[in-house]
Structures are given as structure tokens and as C-alpha cells.
N, C-alpha and C. Protein backbone atom coordinates (compact mmCIF):
# COMPACT_ATOMS: atom_id res chain seq x y z
N MET A 1 -72.40 71.85 61.55
CA MET A 1 -74.01 71.62 61.69
C MET A 1 -74.36 71.08 60.32
N LYS A 2 -74.82 70.09 60.32
CA LYS A 2 -75.61 69.19 59.15
C LYS A 2 -76.91 69.85 59.28
N GLY A 3 -77.52 69.53 60.48
CA GLY A 3 -79.19 70.12 60.50
C GLY A 3 -79.89 69.17 59.29
N LYS A 4 -81.01 69.97 58.69
CA LYS A 4 -81.93 69.34 57.92
C LYS A 4 -80.86 68.96 56.46
N GLU A 5 -80.96 68.03 55.93
CA GLU A 5 -80.18 68.20 54.49
C GLU A 5 -80.67 69.14 53.70
N ILE A 6 -79.68 69.77 53.29
CA ILE A 6 -80.04 70.84 52.19
C ILE A 6 -79.79 70.33 50.55
N LYS A 7 -81.15 70.25 49.98
CA LYS A 7 -81.04 69.81 48.43
C LYS A 7 -81.34 70.98 47.95
N GLY A 8 -81.17 72.60 48.41
CA GLY A 8 -81.52 73.62 47.10
C GLY A 8 -80.72 74.76 47.85
N VAL A 9 -80.16 75.55 47.28
CA VAL A 9 -79.63 76.69 47.83
C VAL A 9 -80.03 77.99 46.97
N ILE A 10 -80.24 79.23 47.61
CA ILE A 10 -80.54 80.43 46.72
C ILE A 10 -79.44 81.41 46.91
N PHE A 11 -78.71 81.67 45.98
CA PHE A 11 -77.87 82.78 46.24
C PHE A 11 -78.18 84.18 46.15
N ASP A 12 -77.54 84.74 46.74
CA ASP A 12 -77.30 86.63 46.12
C ASP A 12 -76.47 86.70 45.41
N LEU A 13 -76.39 87.67 44.48
CA LEU A 13 -75.51 87.70 43.66
C LEU A 13 -74.08 88.46 44.15
N ASP A 14 -74.61 90.05 43.87
CA ASP A 14 -73.13 91.06 44.09
C ASP A 14 -72.67 90.76 45.75
N GLY A 15 -71.62 90.33 45.68
CA GLY A 15 -70.95 90.57 46.98
C GLY A 15 -70.80 88.99 47.42
N THR A 16 -71.65 88.09 46.84
CA THR A 16 -71.63 86.56 47.21
C THR A 16 -70.94 86.09 46.42
N LEU A 17 -71.37 85.75 45.24
CA LEU A 17 -70.82 85.15 44.04
C LEU A 17 -70.00 85.79 43.17
N ILE A 18 -70.21 87.17 42.92
CA ILE A 18 -69.62 87.92 41.85
C ILE A 18 -68.93 89.23 42.48
N ASP A 19 -68.20 89.96 41.89
CA ASP A 19 -67.76 91.44 42.39
C ASP A 19 -67.83 92.12 41.01
N SER A 20 -69.10 92.60 41.24
CA SER A 20 -69.01 93.75 39.75
C SER A 20 -69.04 95.11 39.91
N TYR A 21 -68.65 95.66 41.47
CA TYR A 21 -68.49 96.84 41.74
C TYR A 21 -68.02 98.17 40.74
N GLN A 22 -66.87 97.20 40.21
CA GLN A 22 -66.21 98.17 39.41
C GLN A 22 -67.12 98.74 38.33
N ALA A 23 -67.67 98.04 37.56
CA ALA A 23 -69.08 98.04 36.41
C ALA A 23 -69.90 98.92 37.16
N ILE A 24 -70.56 98.77 38.62
CA ILE A 24 -71.39 99.56 39.16
C ILE A 24 -71.04 101.09 38.91
N TYR A 25 -70.11 100.99 39.87
CA TYR A 25 -69.09 102.60 39.62
C TYR A 25 -68.70 103.30 38.30
N LEU A 26 -68.51 102.53 37.58
CA LEU A 26 -68.44 103.23 36.16
C LEU A 26 -69.43 104.08 35.44
N SER A 27 -70.87 102.96 36.10
CA SER A 27 -72.29 103.73 35.56
C SER A 27 -72.61 104.59 36.67
N PHE A 28 -72.71 104.32 37.64
CA PHE A 28 -72.77 105.94 38.65
C PHE A 28 -72.28 106.77 38.04
N GLN A 29 -70.72 106.76 37.96
CA GLN A 29 -70.14 107.65 37.30
C GLN A 29 -70.45 108.07 35.97
N TYR A 30 -71.05 107.68 35.37
CA TYR A 30 -71.48 108.03 33.71
C TYR A 30 -72.65 108.74 33.72
N ALA A 31 -73.96 108.08 34.90
CA ALA A 31 -75.00 108.78 35.00
C ALA A 31 -74.86 110.62 35.69
N TYR A 32 -73.89 110.26 36.82
CA TYR A 32 -73.90 111.41 37.43
C TYR A 32 -73.38 112.51 36.51
N GLU A 33 -71.88 112.34 35.80
CA GLU A 33 -71.60 113.25 34.95
C GLU A 33 -72.10 113.49 33.63
N SER A 34 -73.62 112.64 33.19
CA SER A 34 -74.27 112.91 32.24
C SER A 34 -75.20 113.90 32.58
N MET A 35 -75.35 114.13 33.87
CA MET A 35 -76.40 114.57 34.41
C MET A 35 -75.84 116.34 35.20
N GLY A 36 -74.49 116.11 35.26
CA GLY A 36 -74.09 117.57 35.53
C GLY A 36 -73.74 117.24 37.08
N LEU A 37 -73.82 116.32 37.56
CA LEU A 37 -73.46 115.52 39.13
C LEU A 37 -72.11 115.32 39.20
N PRO A 38 -71.50 116.22 40.74
CA PRO A 38 -70.26 115.54 40.72
C PRO A 38 -70.57 113.85 41.13
N PRO A 39 -69.47 113.11 40.55
CA PRO A 39 -69.69 111.57 40.61
C PRO A 39 -69.25 111.26 42.01
N LEU A 40 -70.13 109.81 42.57
CA LEU A 40 -69.83 109.43 43.56
C LEU A 40 -68.29 108.67 43.32
N SER A 41 -67.74 108.65 44.51
CA SER A 41 -66.44 107.70 44.67
C SER A 41 -66.54 106.18 44.55
N TYR A 42 -65.81 105.32 44.68
CA TYR A 42 -65.95 104.16 44.34
C TYR A 42 -66.64 103.53 45.75
N GLU A 43 -66.09 103.97 47.08
CA GLU A 43 -66.28 103.61 47.92
C GLU A 43 -67.74 103.79 48.51
N GLU A 44 -68.09 104.83 47.91
CA GLU A 44 -69.38 105.30 47.97
C GLU A 44 -70.86 104.66 47.22
N ALA A 45 -69.90 104.33 46.17
CA ALA A 45 -70.73 103.47 45.00
C ALA A 45 -71.16 102.26 45.67
N ARG A 46 -70.07 101.54 46.01
CA ARG A 46 -70.09 100.24 46.57
C ARG A 46 -71.43 100.01 48.24
N LYS A 47 -71.10 101.12 48.78
CA LYS A 47 -71.98 101.30 49.95
C LYS A 47 -73.26 101.43 49.61
N VAL A 48 -73.98 102.46 48.75
CA VAL A 48 -75.15 102.67 48.39
C VAL A 48 -75.95 101.47 47.69
N VAL A 49 -75.20 100.44 47.25
CA VAL A 49 -76.34 99.44 46.39
C VAL A 49 -76.43 98.39 47.47
N GLY A 50 -77.53 97.97 47.04
CA GLY A 50 -78.37 96.74 47.64
C GLY A 50 -79.56 96.42 47.73
N LEU A 51 -80.50 97.90 47.94
CA LEU A 51 -82.07 97.56 47.60
C LEU A 51 -82.53 97.69 46.59
N GLY A 52 -81.64 97.82 45.07
CA GLY A 52 -82.40 98.12 44.08
C GLY A 52 -81.91 99.60 43.63
N LEU A 53 -81.50 100.10 42.36
CA LEU A 53 -81.02 101.01 41.90
C LEU A 53 -82.48 102.14 41.97
N THR A 54 -83.63 101.75 41.90
CA THR A 54 -84.85 102.73 42.03
C THR A 54 -84.55 103.49 43.44
N ILE A 55 -84.52 102.47 44.31
CA ILE A 55 -84.69 103.04 45.80
C ILE A 55 -83.35 103.78 45.99
N THR A 56 -82.39 103.32 45.63
CA THR A 56 -80.85 103.84 45.70
C THR A 56 -80.99 105.49 45.13
N PHE A 57 -81.23 105.31 43.81
CA PHE A 57 -81.49 106.89 43.04
C PHE A 57 -82.50 107.99 44.00
N ASN A 58 -83.86 107.53 44.35
CA ASN A 58 -84.76 107.97 44.64
C ASN A 58 -83.99 108.44 46.43
N ASP A 59 -83.38 107.94 46.92
CA ASP A 59 -82.62 108.20 48.14
C ASP A 59 -81.72 109.38 47.71
N LEU A 60 -81.08 109.05 46.32
CA LEU A 60 -79.94 109.80 46.02
C LEU A 60 -80.06 111.03 45.46
N LEU A 61 -80.83 111.22 44.56
CA LEU A 61 -81.00 112.32 43.89
C LEU A 61 -82.84 112.70 43.95
N GLY A 62 -83.48 111.98 44.44
CA GLY A 62 -84.91 112.51 44.54
C GLY A 62 -85.78 111.75 43.36
N LYS A 63 -87.15 111.32 43.44
CA LYS A 63 -87.93 110.81 42.19
C LYS A 63 -87.98 111.15 40.91
N GLU A 64 -87.71 112.72 41.17
CA GLU A 64 -88.18 113.09 39.79
C GLU A 64 -86.53 113.21 39.05
N ARG A 65 -85.71 113.13 39.45
CA ARG A 65 -84.38 112.55 38.64
C ARG A 65 -84.10 111.13 38.40
N THR A 66 -84.53 110.56 39.08
CA THR A 66 -84.42 108.82 39.08
C THR A 66 -84.48 108.06 37.69
N PRO A 67 -85.69 108.36 37.01
CA PRO A 67 -86.02 107.50 35.54
C PRO A 67 -84.57 108.30 34.66
N GLU A 68 -84.47 109.38 34.47
CA GLU A 68 -82.89 109.67 33.88
C GLU A 68 -81.96 108.71 34.33
N ALA A 69 -81.45 109.03 35.87
CA ALA A 69 -80.45 108.33 36.36
C ALA A 69 -80.45 106.97 35.94
N LEU A 70 -81.78 106.10 36.16
CA LEU A 70 -81.83 104.65 35.62
C LEU A 70 -81.51 104.31 34.28
N ARG A 71 -82.01 105.21 33.70
CA ARG A 71 -81.68 105.12 32.20
C ARG A 71 -80.12 105.51 31.51
N LEU A 72 -79.49 106.10 32.14
CA LEU A 72 -78.34 106.65 32.08
C LEU A 72 -77.08 105.20 32.53
N PHE A 73 -77.58 105.35 33.55
CA PHE A 73 -76.63 103.98 34.42
C PHE A 73 -76.80 102.67 33.47
N ARG A 74 -78.11 102.14 33.46
CA ARG A 74 -78.05 100.77 32.73
C ARG A 74 -78.02 100.68 31.56
N LYS A 75 -77.67 102.12 30.54
CA LYS A 75 -77.08 102.00 29.21
C LYS A 75 -75.33 101.77 29.28
N LYS A 76 -74.69 102.51 30.51
CA LYS A 76 -73.73 102.45 30.76
C LYS A 76 -73.18 100.62 31.40
N TYR A 77 -73.64 100.44 32.02
CA TYR A 77 -73.44 98.90 32.86
C TYR A 77 -73.63 98.01 31.49
N TRP A 78 -74.73 97.94 30.57
CA TRP A 78 -74.61 97.14 29.75
C TRP A 78 -73.21 97.21 28.77
N GLU A 79 -72.66 98.22 28.55
CA GLU A 79 -71.66 98.31 28.41
C GLU A 79 -70.30 97.54 28.74
N VAL A 80 -70.34 97.90 30.17
CA VAL A 80 -68.90 97.54 30.91
C VAL A 80 -69.04 95.81 31.70
N PHE A 81 -70.08 95.64 31.94
CA PHE A 81 -70.51 94.77 33.10
C PHE A 81 -69.28 93.35 32.28
N PRO A 82 -69.39 92.83 30.96
CA PRO A 82 -68.89 92.01 30.56
C PRO A 82 -67.16 92.12 31.00
N ASP A 83 -66.65 92.86 30.82
CA ASP A 83 -64.90 93.42 31.33
C ASP A 83 -64.52 93.83 32.83
N HIS A 84 -65.81 93.97 33.31
CA HIS A 84 -65.84 94.51 35.03
C HIS A 84 -66.57 93.28 35.92
N THR A 85 -66.57 92.39 35.50
CA THR A 85 -67.10 91.53 36.65
C THR A 85 -66.54 90.38 36.55
N HIS A 86 -66.20 89.99 37.75
CA HIS A 86 -65.31 88.48 38.16
C HIS A 86 -66.41 87.78 39.02
N PHE A 87 -66.02 86.22 39.29
CA PHE A 87 -66.62 85.40 39.92
C PHE A 87 -65.79 85.62 41.40
N LEU A 88 -66.09 85.82 42.79
CA LEU A 88 -65.79 86.00 43.82
C LEU A 88 -64.76 84.62 44.14
N PRO A 89 -64.08 84.43 44.92
CA PRO A 89 -63.05 83.14 45.06
C PRO A 89 -63.82 81.84 45.26
N GLY A 90 -63.78 80.91 44.78
CA GLY A 90 -64.68 79.44 45.34
C GLY A 90 -66.04 79.91 44.55
N ALA A 91 -66.23 80.81 43.89
CA ALA A 91 -67.89 80.95 43.70
C ALA A 91 -68.03 79.83 42.58
N LYS A 92 -67.29 80.17 41.52
CA LYS A 92 -67.97 79.53 40.27
C LYS A 92 -67.59 77.79 40.16
N GLU A 93 -66.41 77.42 40.97
CA GLU A 93 -66.19 76.03 41.80
C GLU A 93 -67.55 75.63 42.31
N LEU A 94 -67.74 76.26 43.19
CA LEU A 94 -68.97 75.64 44.21
C LEU A 94 -70.18 75.63 43.27
N ALA A 95 -70.62 76.69 42.80
CA ALA A 95 -71.61 76.54 41.71
C ALA A 95 -71.73 75.09 40.62
N PHE A 96 -70.53 74.87 40.58
CA PHE A 96 -70.01 73.44 39.20
C PHE A 96 -70.19 72.10 40.44
N GLU A 97 -69.94 72.33 41.41
CA GLU A 97 -69.47 71.04 42.38
C GLU A 97 -71.06 70.81 43.04
N LEU A 98 -71.74 71.89 43.41
CA LEU A 98 -73.40 71.61 43.79
C LEU A 98 -74.22 71.12 42.62
N HIS A 99 -73.84 71.35 41.58
CA HIS A 99 -74.56 71.02 40.59
C HIS A 99 -74.34 69.88 40.27
N ARG A 100 -73.15 69.25 40.39
CA ARG A 100 -72.85 68.21 39.95
C ARG A 100 -73.20 66.85 41.30
N ARG A 101 -73.38 67.50 42.54
CA ARG A 101 -74.03 66.75 43.58
C ARG A 101 -75.54 66.67 43.55
N GLY A 102 -75.87 67.32 42.21
CA GLY A 102 -77.56 67.06 42.10
C GLY A 102 -78.24 68.59 43.36
N ILE A 103 -77.47 69.15 43.94
CA ILE A 103 -77.92 70.47 44.71
C ILE A 103 -78.86 71.44 43.80
N ARG A 104 -80.31 71.63 43.65
CA ARG A 104 -80.80 72.84 43.00
C ARG A 104 -80.39 73.96 43.26
N GLN A 105 -80.45 75.16 42.36
CA GLN A 105 -79.60 76.54 42.60
C GLN A 105 -80.10 77.23 42.02
N ALA A 106 -80.63 78.23 42.69
CA ALA A 106 -81.16 79.50 42.27
C ALA A 106 -80.45 80.75 42.97
N ILE A 107 -80.79 82.09 41.93
CA ILE A 107 -80.15 83.31 42.85
C ILE A 107 -81.38 84.29 42.47
N ALA A 108 -81.31 84.69 43.81
CA ALA A 108 -82.47 85.86 44.20
C ALA A 108 -81.30 87.32 44.66
N THR A 109 -81.53 88.30 43.91
CA THR A 109 -80.89 89.59 43.80
C THR A 109 -81.57 90.74 43.50
N ASN A 110 -81.12 91.67 44.40
CA ASN A 110 -81.74 93.33 43.71
C ASN A 110 -80.93 93.97 42.87
N LYS A 111 -79.94 93.43 42.33
CA LYS A 111 -79.65 93.90 40.72
C LYS A 111 -80.72 93.52 40.13
N LEU A 112 -80.78 94.22 38.96
CA LEU A 112 -81.86 93.91 37.84
C LEU A 112 -81.74 92.75 37.22
N GLY A 113 -82.80 92.14 37.15
CA GLY A 113 -83.28 91.11 36.93
C GLY A 113 -82.55 90.44 35.21
N ARG A 114 -82.67 91.54 34.24
CA ARG A 114 -82.23 91.26 33.14
C ARG A 114 -80.32 91.20 33.15
N PHE A 115 -80.18 92.03 33.79
CA PHE A 115 -78.78 92.34 34.06
C PHE A 115 -78.07 91.14 34.63
N SER A 116 -78.51 90.50 35.90
CA SER A 116 -78.33 89.28 36.81
C SER A 116 -78.35 87.90 35.46
N ARG A 117 -79.20 87.80 34.40
CA ARG A 117 -79.19 86.83 33.72
C ARG A 117 -78.30 87.15 32.62
N ALA A 118 -77.72 88.17 32.53
CA ALA A 118 -76.91 88.71 31.45
C ALA A 118 -75.50 88.14 31.86
N ILE A 119 -75.22 88.36 33.12
CA ILE A 119 -73.84 88.10 33.74
C ILE A 119 -73.73 86.68 33.77
N ILE A 120 -74.50 85.87 34.06
CA ILE A 120 -74.87 84.31 34.21
C ILE A 120 -74.54 83.92 32.82
N GLY A 121 -75.05 84.23 31.89
CA GLY A 121 -75.11 83.92 30.75
C GLY A 121 -73.70 84.06 30.12
N HIS A 122 -73.13 85.39 30.38
CA HIS A 122 -72.06 85.69 29.58
C HIS A 122 -71.05 84.81 30.08
N PHE A 123 -71.10 84.26 31.41
CA PHE A 123 -70.30 83.11 31.64
C PHE A 123 -70.68 81.66 31.61
N GLY A 124 -71.57 81.29 31.05
CA GLY A 124 -72.02 80.22 30.30
C GLY A 124 -72.45 79.53 31.57
N MET A 125 -73.30 79.95 32.62
CA MET A 125 -73.77 78.83 33.61
C MET A 125 -75.15 78.62 34.11
N GLU A 126 -75.61 79.52 33.05
CA GLU A 126 -77.37 79.76 32.73
C GLU A 126 -77.95 78.17 33.40
N ASP A 127 -76.98 77.27 32.73
CA ASP A 127 -77.52 75.72 32.94
C ASP A 127 -77.49 75.12 34.41
N LEU A 128 -77.10 76.24 35.14
CA LEU A 128 -76.45 75.63 36.92
C LEU A 128 -77.90 76.06 37.65
N PHE A 129 -78.37 76.97 37.47
CA PHE A 129 -79.32 77.50 38.02
C PHE A 129 -80.92 77.29 37.61
N VAL A 130 -81.85 76.95 38.46
CA VAL A 130 -83.35 77.28 37.95
C VAL A 130 -84.03 78.18 37.65
N ALA A 131 -83.40 79.26 38.37
CA ALA A 131 -84.03 80.81 38.31
C ALA A 131 -83.13 81.22 38.70
N VAL A 132 -83.18 82.73 38.01
CA VAL A 132 -82.18 84.03 38.50
C VAL A 132 -83.23 84.86 38.27
N LEU A 133 -83.28 85.49 39.48
CA LEU A 133 -84.88 86.44 39.73
C LEU A 133 -83.59 87.82 40.27
N GLY A 134 -84.54 89.08 39.87
CA GLY A 134 -83.86 89.77 40.34
C GLY A 134 -85.13 91.18 40.07
N ASP A 135 -84.45 92.45 40.35
CA ASP A 135 -85.52 93.29 40.53
C ASP A 135 -86.10 93.90 39.26
N GLU A 136 -87.34 94.07 39.26
CA GLU A 136 -88.63 94.05 38.40
C GLU A 136 -88.77 92.81 37.94
N ASP A 137 -88.18 91.78 38.94
CA ASP A 137 -89.13 90.51 38.40
C ASP A 137 -89.80 90.27 39.27
N VAL A 138 -90.21 90.73 40.41
CA VAL A 138 -91.31 90.52 41.59
C VAL A 138 -91.41 92.44 41.68
N ALA A 139 -92.80 92.39 42.03
CA ALA A 139 -93.10 93.76 42.72
C ALA A 139 -92.55 94.64 43.85
N ILE A 140 -91.79 93.21 44.93
CA ILE A 140 -91.14 94.17 45.98
C ILE A 140 -89.69 93.56 46.29
N ASN A 141 -88.82 94.12 46.22
CA ASN A 141 -87.30 93.45 46.37
C ASN A 141 -87.35 92.77 47.49
N LYS A 142 -86.24 92.45 47.84
CA LYS A 142 -85.64 91.72 49.26
C LYS A 142 -85.16 93.25 49.83
N PRO A 143 -85.66 93.20 51.37
CA PRO A 143 -85.85 92.31 52.18
C PRO A 143 -87.32 91.61 52.32
N ASP A 144 -88.50 91.77 51.51
CA ASP A 144 -89.46 91.29 51.43
C ASP A 144 -89.14 90.10 50.81
N PRO A 145 -90.16 88.80 51.28
CA PRO A 145 -89.92 87.46 50.86
C PRO A 145 -90.29 87.23 49.64
N GLU A 146 -91.09 87.84 48.94
CA GLU A 146 -91.97 87.80 47.32
C GLU A 146 -90.61 87.09 46.79
N MET A 147 -89.33 87.59 46.15
CA MET A 147 -88.57 87.33 45.40
C MET A 147 -88.16 85.67 45.73
N LEU A 148 -87.39 85.53 46.94
CA LEU A 148 -87.13 84.02 47.71
C LEU A 148 -88.33 83.04 47.53
N LEU A 149 -89.67 83.65 48.01
CA LEU A 149 -90.67 82.76 47.86
C LEU A 149 -90.78 82.34 46.48
N ALA A 150 -90.86 82.80 45.04
CA ALA A 150 -90.82 82.98 43.89
C ALA A 150 -89.65 81.86 43.48
N ALA A 151 -88.34 82.26 44.35
CA ALA A 151 -87.40 80.88 43.52
C ALA A 151 -87.64 79.73 44.48
N ILE A 152 -87.82 79.58 45.97
CA ILE A 152 -88.50 78.70 46.37
C ILE A 152 -89.43 77.63 45.30
N GLU A 153 -90.38 78.24 44.97
CA GLU A 153 -91.48 77.62 44.19
C GLU A 153 -90.85 77.12 42.69
N ARG A 154 -89.61 77.98 42.43
CA ARG A 154 -88.94 77.13 41.14
C ARG A 154 -88.02 76.21 41.55
N LEU A 155 -87.31 75.79 42.45
CA LEU A 155 -86.83 75.15 43.00
C LEU A 155 -87.50 73.92 43.41
N ALA A 156 -88.70 73.71 43.46
CA ALA A 156 -89.71 72.77 43.73
C ALA A 156 -89.41 72.08 44.77
N LEU A 157 -88.94 72.16 46.00
CA LEU A 157 -88.23 71.63 46.92
C LEU A 157 -89.27 72.29 48.43
N PRO A 158 -88.94 71.82 49.88
CA PRO A 158 -89.86 72.09 50.88
C PRO A 158 -88.48 73.01 51.15
N LYS A 159 -89.42 73.85 52.12
CA LYS A 159 -88.65 75.03 52.66
C LYS A 159 -87.27 74.57 53.56
N GLU A 160 -87.55 73.52 54.31
CA GLU A 160 -86.56 72.84 55.17
C GLU A 160 -85.73 72.24 54.48
N ALA A 161 -86.00 72.06 52.89
CA ALA A 161 -84.50 71.43 52.55
C ALA A 161 -83.72 72.39 51.63
N ILE A 162 -84.25 73.91 52.00
CA ILE A 162 -83.30 75.05 51.13
C ILE A 162 -82.59 76.06 52.32
N VAL A 163 -81.53 76.81 51.84
CA VAL A 163 -80.81 77.79 52.40
C VAL A 163 -80.61 78.91 51.51
N MET A 164 -80.47 79.99 52.06
CA MET A 164 -80.49 81.33 51.43
C MET A 164 -78.79 81.20 51.74
N VAL A 165 -78.10 81.91 50.38
CA VAL A 165 -76.39 82.15 51.15
C VAL A 165 -76.41 83.40 50.70
N GLY A 166 -76.24 84.35 51.76
CA GLY A 166 -75.84 86.11 51.07
C GLY A 166 -74.59 86.72 51.98
N ASP A 167 -74.66 88.15 51.85
CA ASP A 167 -73.58 88.73 52.38
C ASP A 167 -73.82 89.77 53.23
N SER A 168 -75.64 90.07 53.29
CA SER A 168 -75.85 91.31 53.82
C SER A 168 -76.83 90.80 54.93
N LEU A 169 -77.53 92.19 55.91
CA LEU A 169 -78.24 91.83 56.22
C LEU A 169 -79.49 91.88 55.61
N VAL A 170 -79.81 92.68 54.56
CA VAL A 170 -81.02 92.85 53.88
C VAL A 170 -81.23 90.89 53.12
N ASP A 171 -80.45 90.24 52.95
CA ASP A 171 -80.38 89.01 52.71
C ASP A 171 -80.50 87.93 53.97
N ILE A 172 -80.06 88.03 54.90
CA ILE A 172 -80.66 87.36 56.37
C ILE A 172 -82.07 88.01 56.74
N GLU A 173 -82.54 89.22 56.62
CA GLU A 173 -83.66 89.60 56.77
C GLU A 173 -84.79 88.49 55.93
N ALA A 174 -84.69 88.80 53.98
CA ALA A 174 -85.56 88.20 53.36
C ALA A 174 -85.40 86.81 53.76
N ALA A 175 -84.29 85.82 53.99
CA ALA A 175 -84.40 84.69 54.50
C ALA A 175 -85.48 84.37 55.36
N ARG A 176 -85.32 84.62 56.63
CA ARG A 176 -86.13 84.73 57.48
C ARG A 176 -87.54 85.27 57.68
N ASN A 177 -88.02 86.31 56.60
CA ASN A 177 -89.39 86.59 56.03
C ASN A 177 -89.77 85.48 55.36
N ALA A 178 -89.20 84.69 54.83
CA ALA A 178 -89.53 83.64 53.55
C ALA A 178 -89.73 82.36 54.48
N GLY A 179 -88.78 82.22 55.74
CA GLY A 179 -89.21 81.06 56.46
C GLY A 179 -87.91 80.35 55.94
N ILE A 180 -86.95 80.49 55.75
CA ILE A 180 -85.66 79.68 55.25
C ILE A 180 -84.66 79.61 56.09
N ARG A 181 -83.33 78.55 56.04
CA ARG A 181 -82.43 79.31 56.39
C ARG A 181 -81.46 79.94 55.55
N VAL A 182 -80.76 80.59 56.64
CA VAL A 182 -79.66 81.78 56.09
C VAL A 182 -78.59 81.34 56.33
N PHE A 183 -77.50 81.01 55.30
CA PHE A 183 -75.80 81.32 55.89
C PHE A 183 -75.59 82.44 55.09
N ALA A 184 -74.79 83.37 56.13
CA ALA A 184 -74.04 84.37 55.73
C ALA A 184 -72.38 84.32 55.58
N VAL A 185 -72.12 85.19 54.88
CA VAL A 185 -70.68 84.89 54.46
C VAL A 185 -70.31 86.29 54.36
N PRO A 186 -68.79 87.07 55.00
CA PRO A 186 -68.85 88.27 54.86
C PRO A 186 -67.56 88.46 53.69
N SER A 187 -67.98 88.54 52.41
CA SER A 187 -67.90 88.37 51.25
C SER A 187 -68.11 89.94 50.78
N GLY A 188 -68.76 90.55 51.28
CA GLY A 188 -69.05 91.85 50.76
C GLY A 188 -68.93 93.38 51.18
N THR A 189 -69.76 93.87 51.70
CA THR A 189 -69.40 95.37 52.16
C THR A 189 -70.04 95.48 53.31
N THR A 190 -70.62 93.95 54.14
CA THR A 190 -71.18 94.11 55.43
C THR A 190 -70.07 93.34 56.58
N PRO A 191 -69.59 93.54 57.69
CA PRO A 191 -68.36 92.94 58.22
C PRO A 191 -68.77 91.61 58.79
N ARG A 192 -68.35 91.17 59.32
CA ARG A 192 -68.70 89.76 59.71
C ARG A 192 -68.99 89.74 61.08
N GLU A 193 -68.94 90.95 62.34
CA GLU A 193 -69.21 90.81 63.25
C GLU A 193 -70.68 91.37 63.14
N VAL A 194 -71.21 92.54 61.97
CA VAL A 194 -72.68 92.91 61.95
C VAL A 194 -73.26 91.73 61.30
N LEU A 195 -72.70 91.04 60.57
CA LEU A 195 -73.39 89.85 60.29
C LEU A 195 -73.84 88.86 61.24
N GLN A 196 -72.97 88.75 61.97
CA GLN A 196 -72.83 87.50 63.59
C GLN A 196 -74.73 88.26 64.39
N ARG A 197 -74.25 89.83 64.54
CA ARG A 197 -75.12 89.92 65.57
C ARG A 197 -76.56 89.59 64.86
N ALA A 198 -76.94 89.53 63.44
CA ALA A 198 -78.45 89.69 63.23
C ALA A 198 -78.78 87.96 63.17
N ASN A 199 -77.96 86.93 63.87
CA ASN A 199 -78.25 85.86 64.08
C ASN A 199 -78.53 84.74 62.72
N PRO A 200 -77.69 84.86 61.67
CA PRO A 200 -78.01 83.95 60.54
C PRO A 200 -77.85 82.25 61.39
N THR A 201 -78.36 81.45 60.52
CA THR A 201 -78.11 80.43 60.59
C THR A 201 -76.71 79.65 61.00
N ALA A 202 -75.76 80.34 60.02
CA ALA A 202 -74.36 79.81 60.36
C ALA A 202 -73.67 81.01 59.34
N ILE A 203 -72.61 81.13 59.70
CA ILE A 203 -71.57 82.19 59.37
C ILE A 203 -70.66 81.44 58.30
N LEU A 204 -70.32 81.58 57.22
CA LEU A 204 -69.08 80.81 56.68
C LEU A 204 -67.87 81.89 56.44
N ASP A 205 -66.54 81.28 56.90
CA ASP A 205 -65.80 82.12 56.68
C ASP A 205 -65.23 82.18 54.96
N ARG A 206 -65.44 81.31 54.26
CA ARG A 206 -65.45 81.28 53.03
C ARG A 206 -66.65 80.45 52.35
N LEU A 207 -66.86 80.79 51.29
CA LEU A 207 -68.31 80.55 50.22
C LEU A 207 -67.76 78.94 50.07
N MET A 208 -66.58 78.25 50.10
CA MET A 208 -66.50 76.50 49.59
C MET A 208 -67.17 76.06 50.88
N ASP A 209 -67.27 76.80 52.10
CA ASP A 209 -67.39 75.81 53.19
C ASP A 209 -68.92 75.79 53.32
N LEU A 210 -69.54 76.42 52.66
CA LEU A 210 -71.21 75.41 52.15
C LEU A 210 -71.06 74.27 52.41
N LEU A 211 -70.02 73.42 51.17
CA LEU A 211 -69.77 72.48 51.46
C LEU A 211 -69.75 71.43 52.86
N ASN A 212 -69.25 71.74 53.84
CA ASN A 212 -69.28 71.37 54.94
C ASN A 212 -70.75 71.18 55.54
N HIS A 213 -71.66 71.97 55.17
CA HIS A 213 -72.90 71.66 55.82
C HIS A 213 -73.83 70.46 55.15
N LEU A 214 -73.33 69.97 53.75
CA LEU A 214 -73.79 69.34 52.95
C LEU A 214 -73.85 67.79 53.51
N PRO A 215 -74.58 66.52 53.21
CA PRO A 215 -74.20 65.27 53.56
C PRO A 215 -73.08 64.74 53.41
């Protein structure tokens, strides 16, 4: 399915381009233990992220404990993310190939924006993306369309020339709310059949399959 020509791509980050779940788990563990709480398991930590840390901690610990949990989590994350973050198969190669082809790229993630930019900078890939937007860069995170609309503005392309690529129902809903096509990839915590039921524009078996949708 080629459809309208793709000239811009907005990627989600965690579970789509990168695996940083170990860094997330270690940061949860540090925050919980520092607060005298039994830590989450690795699988629990994987499942609770997605809407932004403030919402996550509000749900897990209540609003009163959230500020301290955020402070502790972020302190630890800065320490551990360089050694515990890696690109998912094909992700780095895809980003460089899209850049080579002149496809404009952005990232829209519910991970803290400054963490996201630090990760991309750590891997020396900041020149590949016209924008890396995340939590605290906009008033409301995905699935609200604000973050995607800001990315679309930075891409300086018409909506019909842009696709969102993400691994979650939040990404599908956000793209739909922003009025752009969305390709789902089952590389995160959401199973393929669950993504399929949400009716994305297409399902990618592998991230590199995005190239099959380009002219």
C-alpha cells in the first residue's frame, strides 16, 4: 500500500525506536526503595509506562507522593540511561536511510522531552530529526493531538504527506486525533492482534518494512 507519498515520519520512541525498559525498571526500583516501598517487577514497570511519568505515579502512588517519586526516578534515570538503552532491530538503520532519502523525521513520545533529546544526542543522531518532543514540552501528552500537531508544524509538511509510526494504542489514537495516517509496529508491549483491532492504516511486521510504503 503506497497511498499518498510519504515525505515525513513521526516516530514514537520507547518500544518503537528504542528499548530503554531496563533503565526505566532501575529508576522505578530506586524511587520505590528510596521511599520505603516494595519495588515493581520488571514486567510491571514495562506495563505501567506509556502516558507519561506524572500520570503513572499519580495512578500508582497518589498525587501526594508523585513529586518525590518523579524526583527520585529522574535522578536515577540520568545515571543509568546511557548504559541501559539500545535501538531496536533496524531502527537506527531506518532513521539513517530515511534521512538519506530526504524524508523529514520527528519524534513524539510521552517520555520526558529532555530525556528523549538526551538519548538521541547520546547516539549522535540529533541531526536526523527536525524535532524531538515529549512530556513537559506540551500541555497534554498523547493521545491528545497537541504533541503531534506541534511535530507536524516543525516538519513543515501537509498532513497527508506524514505518517505516525508507533507501537501502542496511544499512538494510534493520537495519530487519529491529529488527522494523520498511522503505521503500528508490534515491537513494544502491545500485541499485534490488539493493535490490529484498533484499525491503524497498516501494521508493520518489522520497522524496516516502512520502506515498502515509500515511493
